[in-house]
């Protein structure tokens, strides 16, 4: 999942440099949602391990 976040951030950076605002916004939105999902999954795993121990 982190790989997809980095790819979308790179696409957004290139699109921003080339003046493609729509593509840049879409890529940043996708990267943001994937980052939020990754953070939630990480926290669930972290709290699950703490509760088990």
C-alpha atoms as a PDB file:
ATOM      1  CA  UNK A   1       0.000   0.000   0.000  1.00  0.00           C
ATOM      2  CA  UNK A   2       2.887   2.350   0.702  1.00  0.00           C
ATOM      3  CA  UNK A   3       4.142   1.737  -2.822  1.00  0.00           C
ATOM      4  CA  UNK A   4       0.835   2.985  -4.253  1.00  0.00           C
ATOM      5  CA  UNK A   5       0.974   6.073  -2.042  1.00  0.00           C
ATOM      6  CA  UNK A   6       4.460   6.925  -3.293  1.00  0.00           C
ATOM      7  CA  UNK A   7       3.460   6.317  -6.919  1.00  0.00           C
ATOM      8  CA  UNK A   8       0.429   8.604  -6.586  1.00  0.00           C
ATOM      9  CA  UNK A   9       2.540  11.304  -4.932  1.00  0.00           C
ATOM     10  CA  UNK A  10       5.060  11.100  -7.780  1.00  0.00           C
ATOM     11  CA  UNK A  11       2.250  11.330 -10.350  1.00  0.00           C
ATOM     12  CA  UNK A  12       0.863  14.362  -8.527  1.00  0.00           C
ATOM     13  CA  UNK A  13       4.270  16.048  -8.486  1.00  0.00           C
ATOM     14  CA  UNK A  14       4.847  15.490 -12.199  1.00  0.00           C
ATOM     15  CA  UNK A  15       1.305  16.588 -13.046  1.00  0.00           C
ATOM     16  CA  UNK A  16       1.784  19.723 -10.979  1.00  0.00           C
ATOM     17  CA  UNK A  17       5.000  20.558 -12.809  1.00  0.00           C
ATOM     18  CA  UNK A  18       3.292  20.054 -16.168  1.00  0.00           C
ATOM     19  CA  UNK A  19       0.293  22.185 -15.200  1.00  0.00           C
ATOM     20  CA  UNK A  20      -2.309  19.413 -15.069  1.00  0.00           C
ATOM     21  CA  UNK A  21      -4.290  20.522 -12.045  1.00  0.00           C
ATOM     22  CA  UNK A  22      -7.100  17.987 -12.387  1.00  0.00           C
ATOM     23  CA  UNK A  23      -4.767  15.008 -12.511  1.00  0.00           C
ATOM     24  CA  UNK A  24      -2.708  16.417  -9.673  1.00  0.00           C
ATOM     25  CA  UNK A  25      -5.772  16.799  -7.462  1.00  0.00           C
ATOM     26  CA  UNK A  26      -7.008  13.295  -8.230  1.00  0.00           C
ATOM     27  CA  UNK A  27      -3.616  11.747  -7.488  1.00  0.00           C
ATOM     28  CA  UNK A  28      -3.270  13.667  -4.228  1.00  0.00           C
ATOM     29  CA  UNK A  29      -6.765  12.683  -3.152  1.00  0.00           C
ATOM     30  CA  UNK A  30      -6.013   9.014  -3.842  1.00  0.00           C
ATOM     31  CA  UNK A  31      -2.731   9.202  -1.967  1.00  0.00           C
ATOM     32  CA  UNK A  32      -4.431  10.908   0.978  1.00  0.00           C
ATOM     33  CA  UNK A  33      -7.147   8.254   1.245  1.00  0.00           C
ATOM     34  CA  UNK A  34      -4.625   5.421   0.975  1.00  0.00           C
ATOM     35  CA  UNK A  35      -2.491   7.038   3.687  1.00  0.00           C
ATOM     36  CA  UNK A  36      -5.522   7.312   5.980  1.00  0.00           C
ATOM     37  CA  UNK A  37      -6.450   3.667   5.360  1.00  0.00           C
ATOM     38  CA  UNK A  38      -2.852   2.553   6.019  1.00  0.00           C
ATOM     39  CA  UNK A  39      -2.778   4.557   9.272  1.00  0.00           C
ATOM     40  CA  UNK A  40      -6.076   3.075  10.473  1.00  0.00           C
ATOM     41  CA  UNK A  41      -4.912  -0.470   9.698  1.00  0.00           C
ATOM     42  CA  UNK A  42      -1.623   0.187  11.501  1.00  0.00           C
ATOM     43  CA  UNK A  43      -3.406   1.515  14.579  1.00  0.00           C
ATOM     44  CA  UNK A  44      -5.812  -1.416  14.650  1.00  0.00           C
ATOM     45  CA  UNK A  45      -2.931  -3.864  14.501  1.00  0.00           C
ATOM     46  CA  UNK A  46      -0.996  -1.909  17.124  1.00  0.00           C
ATOM     47  CA  UNK A  47      -3.893  -1.767  19.587  1.00  0.00           C
ATOM     48  CA  UNK A  48      -4.775  -5.382  18.899  1.00  0.00           C
ATOM     49  CA  UNK A  49      -1.272  -6.501  19.804  1.00  0.00           C
ATOM     50  CA  UNK A  50      -1.280  -4.373  22.956  1.00  0.00           C
ATOM     51  CA  UNK A  51      -4.678  -5.752  24.039  1.00  0.00           C
ATOM     52  CA  UNK A  52      -3.506  -9.364  23.453  1.00  0.00           C
ATOM     53  CA  UNK A  53      -0.321  -8.867  25.484  1.00  0.00           C
END
